[in-house]
Amino acid sequence: MERFLVEIKNADVFVGGNPVLKSLSWTMNEGENWAIVGNNGSGKTTLMKLIFGEIIPVYGGQVHWFGKREHSPLLQVREKLGYVSAEYQTNYDRPATGWQVVASGFFSSIGLHEQVTPEQKESALQAMAHLGIEYLGNTSFRQMSYGEARRVLLARAMVHRTKLLILDEPCAGLDIPTRERFLTTLEKLKHTSMIYVTHRIEEIMPCVTHVLFLKDGQISAQGKKDEMLNSETLSRALGCPLSVEKKSDRYWLSLP
């Protein structure tokens, strides 16, 4: 039997008194990588914050992680979660070198406020080497290019052997060559499942196995990638007529 990584049951979420997620239920199992697709305002980021434990559902809604339906301390859950977003990159405003940013992932902090052990520093450098960015180890985070900084934050999310990686529109703000380098980096990740949030179908990489379409805070469709990424389903989910073509294991949109 497959073990779930995330299980959400009947979740209602309000932000500023307004309903953002409505009676949402969804399960992600081990061995799956999901793309969460929807227009701006569909509730994608709120769903990610729910999964990350930043917000909680109301009216009896439940979120469970990593095969356990009993209560798990959030700190224990966070030890297995990684989070990368353009918003987080903007908020990382402490002076630090590349390896220090990566090492801060051990403490879930912005900047380093605790002593790093030699083993933790070595793990940080290994995470950077795995992603091909070891040359940024002693570079100031503030002096890195936008794309370099995003890859450093990816290493940060991975440094404590993340079991589930949440990527909330991680290519926002990246130019096309930098975006492709970042996506290629994701394809290298092993032994880590991911949730990739986007409204750009061309960013859905071959490693993604399932797709969920979110519309007005509700799931409009979900299933295996090849069953979801077709013109009819996409047009209905995104609210406009679209044509989908598959090339080299990637999907590309055009107007019919």
C-alpha atoms as a PDB file:
ATOM      1  CA  MET A   1       0.000   0.000   0.000  1.00  0.00           C
ATOM      2  CA  GLU A   2       1.321   3.457  -0.927  1.00  0.00           C
ATOM      3  CA  ARG A   3       2.208   5.748   1.961  1.00  0.00           C
ATOM      4  CA  PHE A   4       0.883   9.275   1.694  1.00  0.00           C
ATOM      5  CA  LEU A   5       3.139  12.302   1.910  1.00  0.00           C
ATOM      6  CA  VAL A   6       0.308  14.815   2.277  1.00  0.00           C
ATOM      7  CA  GLU A   7      -3.346  14.160   3.008  1.00  0.00           C
ATOM      8  CA  ILE A   8      -5.819  17.049   3.112  1.00  0.00           C
ATOM      9  CA  LYS A   9      -9.424  16.460   4.090  1.00  0.00           C
ATOM     10  CA  ASN A  10     -12.274  18.940   3.696  1.00  0.00           C
ATOM     11  CA  ALA A  11     -10.088  22.033   4.134  1.00  0.00           C
ATOM     12  CA  ASP A  12     -11.667  25.483   4.198  1.00  0.00           C
ATOM     13  CA  VAL A  13      -9.185  28.348   4.424  1.00  0.00           C
ATOM     14  CA  PHE A  14      -9.991  32.045   4.875  1.00  0.00           C
ATOM     15  CA  VAL A  15      -7.574  34.904   4.286  1.00  0.00           C
ATOM     16  CA  GLY A  16      -8.629  38.344   5.466  1.00  0.00           C
ATOM     17  CA  GLY A  17     -12.120  36.999   6.095  1.00  0.00           C
ATOM     18  CA  ASN A  18     -12.473  35.809   2.500  1.00  0.00           C
ATOM     19  CA  PRO A  19     -12.751  32.132   1.503  1.00  0.00           C
ATOM     20  CA  VAL A  20      -9.699  31.093  -0.524  1.00  0.00           C
ATOM     21  CA  LEU A  21      -9.829  27.288  -0.352  1.00  0.00           C
ATOM     22  CA  LYS A  22     -13.245  25.601  -0.254  1.00  0.00           C
ATOM     23  CA  SER A  23     -13.836  22.068   1.048  1.00  0.00           C
ATOM     24  CA  LEU A  24     -10.612  20.893  -0.555  1.00  0.00           C
ATOM     25  CA  SER A  25      -9.527  17.260  -0.265  1.00  0.00           C
ATOM     26  CA  TRP A  26      -6.360  15.885  -1.872  1.00  0.00           C
ATOM     27  CA  THR A  27      -3.765  13.163  -1.313  1.00  0.00           C
ATOM     28  CA  MET A  28      -0.170  12.919  -2.546  1.00  0.00           C
ATOM     29  CA  ASN A  29       1.544   9.542  -2.227  1.00  0.00           C
ATOM     30  CA  GLU A  30       5.165   8.460  -2.164  1.00  0.00           C
ATOM     31  CA  GLY A  31       6.749   8.211  -5.592  1.00  0.00           C
ATOM     32  CA  GLU A  32       4.621  11.025  -7.027  1.00  0.00           C
ATOM     33  CA  ASN A  33       5.580  14.496  -8.209  1.00  0.00           C
ATOM     34  CA  TRP A  34       2.687  16.912  -8.646  1.00  0.00           C
ATOM     35  CA  ALA A  35       2.244  20.094 -10.641  1.00  0.00           C
ATOM     36  CA  ILE A  36      -0.386  22.460  -9.209  1.00  0.00           C
ATOM     37  CA  VAL A  37      -1.754  24.581 -12.050  1.00  0.00           C
ATOM     38  CA  GLY A  38      -4.130  27.524 -11.947  1.00  0.00           C
ATOM     39  CA  ASN A  39      -4.571  31.146 -12.859  1.00  0.00           C
ATOM     40  CA  ASN A  40      -3.484  33.947 -10.538  1.00  0.00           C
ATOM     41  CA  GLY A  41      -5.885  34.122  -7.604  1.00  0.00           C
ATOM     42  CA  SER A  42      -6.937  30.485  -7.841  1.00  0.00           C
ATOM     43  CA  GLY A  43      -5.523  29.702  -4.375  1.00  0.00           C
ATOM     44  CA  LYS A  44      -2.231  28.000  -5.321  1.00  0.00           C
ATOM     45  CA  THR A  45       0.016  29.821  -2.844  1.00  0.00           C
ATOM     46  CA  THR A  46      -2.546  29.436  -0.055  1.00  0.00           C
ATOM     47  CA  LEU A  47      -2.619  25.696  -0.709  1.00  0.00           C
ATOM     48  CA  MET A  48       1.179  25.564  -0.452  1.00  0.00           C
ATOM     49  CA  LYS A  49       1.136  27.465   2.843  1.00  0.00           C
ATOM     50  CA  LEU A  50      -1.452  25.000   4.105  1.00  0.00           C
ATOM     51  CA  ILE A  51       0.826  22.090   3.175  1.00  0.00           C
ATOM     52  CA  PHE A  52       3.826  23.829   4.752  1.00  0.00           C
ATOM     53  CA  GLY A  53       1.888  24.414   7.966  1.00  0.00           C
ATOM     54  CA  GLU A  54       1.896  28.223   7.817  1.00  0.00           C
ATOM     55  CA  ILE A  55      -1.905  28.315   7.940  1.00  0.00           C
ATOM     56  CA  ILE A  56      -4.516  25.896   9.246  1.00  0.00           C
ATOM     57  CA  PRO A  57      -7.951  24.934   7.918  1.00  0.00           C
ATOM     58  CA  VAL A  58     -11.150  25.786   9.773  1.00  0.00           C
ATOM     59  CA  TYR A  59     -14.418  23.950  10.470  1.00  0.00           C
ATOM     60  CA  GLY A  60     -12.837  20.560  11.083  1.00  0.00           C
ATOM     61  CA  GLY A  61     -10.582  20.422   8.038  1.00  0.00           C
ATOM     62  CA  GLN A  62      -7.455  18.303   8.482  1.00  0.00           C
ATOM     63  CA  VAL A  63      -3.912  18.098   7.110  1.00  0.00           C
ATOM     64  CA  HIS A  64      -1.715  15.045   7.716  1.00  0.00           C
ATOM     65  CA  TRP A  65       1.873  14.432   6.673  1.00  0.00           C
ATOM     66  CA  PHE A  66       4.134  11.464   5.944  1.00  0.00           C
ATOM     67  CA  GLY A  67       1.778   8.591   6.631  1.00  0.00           C
ATOM     68  CA  LYS A  68       0.738   9.710  10.126  1.00  0.00           C
ATOM     69  CA  ARG A  69      -2.836  10.672  10.903  1.00  0.00           C
ATOM     70  CA  GLU A  70      -2.146  11.386  14.556  1.00  0.00           C
ATOM     71  CA  HIS A  71      -0.920  14.845  15.528  1.00  0.00           C
ATOM     72  CA  SER A  72       2.692  15.548  14.561  1.00  0.00           C
ATOM     73  CA  PRO A  73       4.616  18.546  15.954  1.00  0.00           C
ATOM     74  CA  LEU A  74       5.064  21.069  13.159  1.00  0.00           C
ATOM     75  CA  LEU A  75       8.814  21.288  13.788  1.00  0.00           C
ATOM     76  CA  GLN A  76       9.127  17.573  13.050  1.00  0.00           C
ATOM     77  CA  VAL A  77       7.097  17.967   9.864  1.00  0.00           C
ATOM     78  CA  ARG A  78       9.187  20.949   8.734  1.00  0.00           C
ATOM     79  CA  GLU A  79      12.363  18.881   9.073  1.00  0.00           C
ATOM     80  CA  LYS A  80      11.153  16.875   6.065  1.00  0.00           C
ATOM     81  CA  LEU A  81       9.819  19.810   4.031  1.00  0.00           C
ATOM     82  CA  GLY A  82      11.631  22.271   1.798  1.00  0.00           C
ATOM     83  CA  TYR A  83      10.160  25.469   0.366  1.00  0.00           C
ATOM     84  CA  VAL A  84      11.372  27.627  -2.533  1.00  0.00           C
ATOM     85  CA  SER A  85       9.589  30.672  -3.938  1.00  0.00           C
ATOM     86  CA  ALA A  86      10.341  34.033  -5.506  1.00  0.00           C
ATOM     87  CA  GLU A  87       8.701  35.669  -2.476  1.00  0.00           C
ATOM     88  CA  TYR A  88      11.060  33.873  -0.099  1.00  0.00           C
ATOM     89  CA  GLN A  89      14.055  34.998  -2.153  1.00  0.00           C
ATOM     90  CA  THR A  90      12.941  38.613  -1.804  1.00  0.00           C
ATOM     91  CA  ASN A  91      12.601  38.208   1.964  1.00  0.00           C
ATOM     92  CA  TYR A  92      16.065  36.670   2.411  1.00  0.00           C
ATOM     93  CA  ASP A  93      17.719  39.981   3.209  1.00  0.00           C
ATOM     94  CA  ARG A  94      20.471  39.003   5.674  1.00  0.00           C
ATOM     95  CA  PRO A  95      24.153  39.328   4.645  1.00  0.00           C
ATOM     96  CA  ALA A  96      25.529  35.843   4.011  1.00  0.00           C
ATOM     97  CA  THR A  97      27.681  33.870   1.601  1.00  0.00           C
ATOM     98  CA  GLY A  98      26.285  31.070  -0.530  1.00  0.00           C
ATOM     99  CA  TRP A  99      27.234  28.222   1.812  1.00  0.00           C
ATOM    100  CA  GLN A 100      25.896  30.147   4.810  1.00  0.00           C
ATOM    101  CA  VAL A 101      22.520  30.599   3.108  1.00  0.00           C
ATOM    102  CA  VAL A 102      22.410  26.868   2.396  1.00  0.00           C
ATOM    103  CA  ALA A 103      23.451  26.011   5.971  1.00  0.00           C
ATOM    104  CA  SER A 104      20.681  28.225   7.355  1.00  0.00           C
ATOM    105  CA  GLY A 105      18.306  25.550   6.106  1.00  0.00           C
ATOM    106  CA  PHE A 106      19.331  23.397   9.071  1.00  0.00           C
ATOM    107  CA  PHE A 107      17.775  25.992  11.385  1.00  0.00           C
ATOM    108  CA  SER A 108      14.891  27.205   9.162  1.00  0.00           C
ATOM    109  CA  SER A 109      16.226  30.718   9.644  1.00  0.00           C
ATOM    110  CA  ILE A 110      16.946  33.729   7.450  1.00  0.00           C
ATOM    111  CA  GLY A 111      20.644  34.239   8.053  1.00  0.00           C
ATOM    112  CA  LEU A 112      22.812  32.244  10.442  1.00  0.00           C
ATOM    113  CA  HIS A 113      22.251  32.863  14.142  1.00  0.00           C
ATOM    114  CA  GLU A 114      23.685  29.609  15.476  1.00  0.00           C
ATOM    115  CA  GLN A 115      27.067  27.900  15.308  1.00  0.00           C
ATOM    116  CA  VAL A 116      27.441  25.654  12.267  1.00  0.00           C
ATOM    117  CA  THR A 117      29.187  22.348  12.876  1.00  0.00           C
ATOM    118  CA  PRO A 118      31.889  21.166  10.460  1.00  0.00           C
ATOM    119  CA  GLU A 119      29.515  18.378   9.417  1.00  0.00           C
ATOM    120  CA  GLN A 120      26.737  20.864   8.621  1.00  0.00           C
ATOM    121  CA  LYS A 121      29.072  23.055   6.580  1.00  0.00           C
ATOM    122  CA  GLU A 122      30.264  20.024   4.635  1.00  0.00           C
ATOM    123  CA  SER A 123      26.650  19.002   3.978  1.00  0.00           C
ATOM    124  CA  ALA A 124      25.891  22.516   2.724  1.00  0.00           C
ATOM    125  CA  LEU A 125      28.842  22.398   0.341  1.00  0.00           C
ATOM    126  CA  GLN A 126      27.821  18.925  -0.858  1.00  0.00           C
ATOM    127  CA  ALA A 127      24.276  20.135  -1.553  1.00  0.00           C
ATOM    128  CA  MET A 128      25.695  22.983  -3.630  1.00  0.00           C
ATOM    129  CA  ALA A 129      28.026  20.622  -5.493  1.00  0.00           C
ATOM    130  CA  HIS A 130      25.105  18.293  -6.271  1.00  0.00           C
ATOM    131  CA  LEU A 131      23.342  21.200  -7.984  1.00  0.00           C
ATOM    132  CA  GLY A 132      26.489  22.386  -9.744  1.00  0.00           C
ATOM    133  CA  ILE A 133      26.774  25.658  -7.819  1.00  0.00           C
ATOM    134  CA  GLU A 134      29.732  24.973  -5.545  1.00  0.00           C
ATOM    135  CA  TYR A 135      31.494  27.954  -7.138  1.00  0.00           C
ATOM    136  CA  LEU A 136      29.015  30.209  -5.298  1.00  0.00           C
ATOM    137  CA  GLY A 137      30.075  28.959  -1.854  1.00  0.00           C
ATOM    138  CA  ASN A 138      31.951  32.107  -0.840  1.00  0.00           C
ATOM    139  CA  THR A 139      29.985  34.577  -2.973  1.00  0.00           C
ATOM    140  CA  SER A 140      27.787  37.101  -1.186  1.00  0.00           C
ATOM    141  CA  PHE A 141      24.126  36.190  -1.647  1.00  0.00           C
ATOM    142  CA  ARG A 142      23.355  39.820  -2.459  1.00  0.00           C
ATOM    143  CA  GLN A 143      25.923  39.830  -5.269  1.00  0.00           C
ATOM    144  CA  MET A 144      24.555  36.740  -7.023  1.00  0.00           C
ATOM    145  CA  SER A 145      22.440  36.912 -10.140  1.00  0.00           C
ATOM    146  CA  TYR A 146      18.724  36.321  -9.677  1.00  0.00           C
ATOM    147  CA  GLY A 147      19.003  32.784 -11.085  1.00  0.00           C
ATOM    148  CA  GLU A 148      22.082  31.913  -9.033  1.00  0.00           C
ATOM    149  CA  ALA A 149      20.324  33.007  -5.847  1.00  0.00           C
ATOM    150  CA  ARG A 150      17.297  30.850  -6.717  1.00  0.00           C
ATOM    151  CA  ARG A 151      19.482  27.765  -7.109  1.00  0.00           C
ATOM    152  CA  VAL A 152      21.216  28.514  -3.796  1.00  0.00           C
ATOM    153  CA  LEU A 153      17.798  28.595  -2.125  1.00  0.00           C
ATOM    154  CA  LEU A 154      17.018  25.252  -3.755  1.00  0.00           C
ATOM    155  CA  ALA A 155      20.175  23.820  -2.169  1.00  0.00           C
ATOM    156  CA  ARG A 156      19.063  25.360   1.135  1.00  0.00           C
ATOM    157  CA  ALA A 157      15.724  23.560   0.877  1.00  0.00           C
ATOM    158  CA  MET A 158      17.503  20.265   0.183  1.00  0.00           C
ATOM    159  CA  VAL A 159      20.311  20.422   2.749  1.00  0.00           C
ATOM    160  CA  HIS A 160      18.497  18.558   5.535  1.00  0.00           C
ATOM    161  CA  ARG A 161      17.507  15.658   3.278  1.00  0.00           C
ATOM    162  CA  THR A 162      14.120  17.028   2.392  1.00  0.00           C
ATOM    163  CA  LYS A 163      11.491  14.369   1.771  1.00  0.00           C
ATOM    164  CA  LEU A 164       9.034  16.747   0.072  1.00  0.00           C
ATOM    165  CA  LEU A 165      10.032  19.891  -1.813  1.00  0.00           C
ATOM    166  CA  ILE A 166       7.465  22.659  -2.364  1.00  0.00           C
ATOM    167  CA  LEU A 167       8.251  24.931  -5.313  1.00  0.00           C
ATOM    168  CA  ASP A 168       5.866  27.891  -5.476  1.00  0.00           C
ATOM    169  CA  GLU A 169       6.262  29.425  -8.944  1.00  0.00           C
ATOM    170  CA  PRO A 170      10.050  29.051  -8.618  1.00  0.00           C
ATOM    171  CA  CYS A 171      10.765  30.351 -12.136  1.00  0.00           C
ATOM    172  CA  ALA A 172       8.964  33.666 -11.612  1.00  0.00           C
ATOM    173  CA  GLY A 173      11.328  36.470 -12.595  1.00  0.00           C
ATOM    174  CA  LEU A 174      13.800  34.215 -14.396  1.00  0.00           C
ATOM    175  CA  ASP A 175      14.690  34.766 -18.040  1.00  0.00           C
ATOM    176  CA  ILE A 176      14.337  31.795 -20.396  1.00  0.00           C
ATOM    177  CA  PRO A 177      17.981  30.517 -20.311  1.00  0.00           C
ATOM    178  CA  THR A 178      18.073  30.801 -16.504  1.00  0.00           C
ATOM    179  CA  ARG A 179      14.681  29.129 -16.221  1.00  0.00           C
ATOM    180  CA  GLU A 180      15.855  26.186 -18.309  1.00  0.00           C
ATOM    181  CA  ARG A 181      18.995  25.786 -16.191  1.00  0.00           C
ATOM    182  CA  PHE A 182      16.862  25.803 -13.051  1.00  0.00           C
ATOM    183  CA  LEU A 183      14.430  23.224 -14.460  1.00  0.00           C
ATOM    184  CA  THR A 184      17.335  21.019 -15.527  1.00  0.00           C
ATOM    185  CA  THR A 185      18.618  21.246 -11.954  1.00  0.00           C
ATOM    186  CA  LEU A 186      15.273  19.948 -10.670  1.00  0.00           C
ATOM    187  CA  GLU A 187      15.518  16.928 -12.943  1.00  0.00           C
ATOM    188  CA  LYS A 188      18.716  15.950 -11.098  1.00  0.00           C
ATOM    189  CA  LEU A 189      16.956  15.594  -7.754  1.00  0.00           C
ATOM    190  CA  LYS A 190      16.647  12.031  -6.512  1.00  0.00           C
ATOM    191  CA  HIS A 191      14.914  10.550  -3.462  1.00  0.00           C
ATOM    192  CA  THR A 192      12.848  13.728  -3.050  1.00  0.00           C
ATOM    193  CA  SER A 193       9.249  14.235  -4.105  1.00  0.00           C
ATOM    194  CA  MET A 194       8.090  17.657  -5.250  1.00  0.00           C
ATOM    195  CA  ILE A 195       5.049  19.853  -5.616  1.00  0.00           C
ATOM    196  CA  TYR A 196       5.592  22.337  -8.428  1.00  0.00           C
ATOM    197  CA  VAL A 197       3.228  25.321  -8.562  1.00  0.00           C
ATOM    198  CA  THR A 198       2.890  27.173 -11.849  1.00  0.00           C
ATOM    199  CA  HIS A 199       0.527  28.677 -14.378  1.00  0.00           C
ATOM    200  CA  ARG A 200       2.985  27.946 -17.223  1.00  0.00           C
ATOM    201  CA  ILE A 201       2.505  24.493 -18.701  1.00  0.00           C
ATOM    202  CA  GLU A 202       5.910  24.526 -20.401  1.00  0.00           C
ATOM    203  CA  GLU A 203       7.579  24.434 -16.959  1.00  0.00           C
ATOM    204  CA  ILE A 204       6.130  21.006 -16.174  1.00  0.00           C
ATOM    205  CA  MET A 205       9.144  18.723 -16.449  1.00  0.00           C
ATOM    206  CA  PRO A 206       9.233  15.006 -17.355  1.00  0.00           C
ATOM    207  CA  CYS A 207       9.740  14.071 -13.688  1.00  0.00           C
ATOM    208  CA  VAL A 208       6.217  15.335 -12.857  1.00  0.00           C
ATOM    209  CA  THR A 209       3.789  12.411 -12.622  1.00  0.00           C
ATOM    210  CA  HIS A 210       0.468  14.077 -11.710  1.00  0.00           C
ATOM    211  CA  VAL A 211      -1.325  17.380 -12.264  1.00  0.00           C
ATOM    212  CA  LEU A 212      -3.948  19.156 -10.165  1.00  0.00           C
ATOM    213  CA  PHE A 213      -5.935  22.065 -11.583  1.00  0.00           C
ATOM    214  CA  LEU A 214      -7.087  24.644  -9.058  1.00  0.00           C
ATOM    215  CA  LYS A 215      -9.871  27.082  -9.918  1.00  0.00           C
ATOM    216  CA  ASP A 216     -11.585  29.508  -7.540  1.00  0.00           C
ATOM    217  CA  GLY A 217     -10.190  27.679  -4.522  1.00  0.00           C
ATOM    218  CA  GLN A 218     -11.464  24.272  -5.611  1.00  0.00           C
ATOM    219  CA  ILE A 219     -10.020  21.323  -7.494  1.00  0.00           C
ATOM    220  CA  SER A 220     -11.407  21.362 -11.023  1.00  0.00           C
ATOM    221  CA  ALA A 221      -9.492  18.269 -12.188  1.00  0.00           C
ATOM    222  CA  GLN A 222      -6.654  16.009 -11.032  1.00  0.00           C
ATOM    223  CA  GLY A 223      -4.913  12.881 -12.242  1.00  0.00           C
ATOM    224  CA  LYS A 224      -1.934  11.479 -14.091  1.00  0.00           C
ATOM    225  CA  LYS A 225      -0.043  14.054 -16.151  1.00  0.00           C
ATOM    226  CA  ASP A 226      -0.704  12.622 -19.602  1.00  0.00           C
ATOM    227  CA  GLU A 227      -4.428  12.425 -18.834  1.00  0.00           C
ATOM    228  CA  MET A 228      -4.617  15.998 -17.577  1.00  0.00           C
ATOM    229  CA  LEU A 229      -2.503  17.922 -20.079  1.00  0.00           C
ATOM    230  CA  ASN A 230      -4.877  17.978 -22.993  1.00  0.00           C
ATOM    231  CA  SER A 231      -6.568  20.870 -24.749  1.00  0.00           C
ATOM    232  CA  GLU A 232     -10.046  20.244 -23.366  1.00  0.00           C
ATOM    233  CA  THR A 233      -9.054  19.929 -19.700  1.00  0.00           C
ATOM    234  CA  LEU A 234      -6.666  22.885 -19.829  1.00  0.00           C
ATOM    235  CA  SER A 235      -9.158  25.135 -21.606  1.00  0.00           C
ATOM    236  CA  ARG A 236     -11.784  24.364 -18.978  1.00  0.00           C
ATOM    237  CA  ALA A 237      -9.388  24.778 -16.039  1.00  0.00           C
ATOM    238  CA  LEU A 238      -7.800  28.037 -17.231  1.00  0.00           C
ATOM    239  CA  GLY A 239     -10.967  29.560 -18.646  1.00  0.00           C
ATOM    240  CA  CYS A 240      -9.959  30.139 -22.262  1.00  0.00           C
ATOM    241  CA  PRO A 241      -9.617  28.063 -25.442  1.00  0.00           C
ATOM    242  CA  LEU A 242      -6.136  26.532 -25.624  1.00  0.00           C
ATOM    243  CA  SER A 243      -4.318  23.996 -27.749  1.00  0.00           C
ATOM    244  CA  VAL A 244      -1.666  21.696 -26.240  1.00  0.00           C
ATOM    245  CA  GLU A 245       1.229  20.041 -28.021  1.00  0.00           C
ATOM    246  CA  LYS A 246       3.769  17.620 -26.561  1.00  0.00           C
ATOM    247  CA  LYS A 247       7.403  17.913 -27.673  1.00  0.00           C
ATOM    248  CA  SER A 248      10.419  16.177 -26.107  1.00  0.00           C
ATOM    249  CA  ASP A 249       8.430  15.182 -23.001  1.00  0.00           C
ATOM    250  CA  ARG A 250       7.369  18.805 -22.391  1.00  0.00           C
ATOM    251  CA  TYR A 251       3.994  20.403 -23.049  1.00  0.00           C
ATOM    252  CA  TRP A 252       3.482  23.669 -24.895  1.00  0.00           C
ATOM    253  CA  LEU A 253       0.410  25.904 -25.185  1.00  0.00           C
ATOM    254  CA  SER A 254      -0.896  27.905 -28.103  1.00  0.00           C
ATOM    255  CA  LEU A 255      -4.143  29.565 -29.076  1.00  0.00           C
ATOM    256  CA  PRO A 256      -6.246  27.443 -31.452  1.00  0.00           C
END
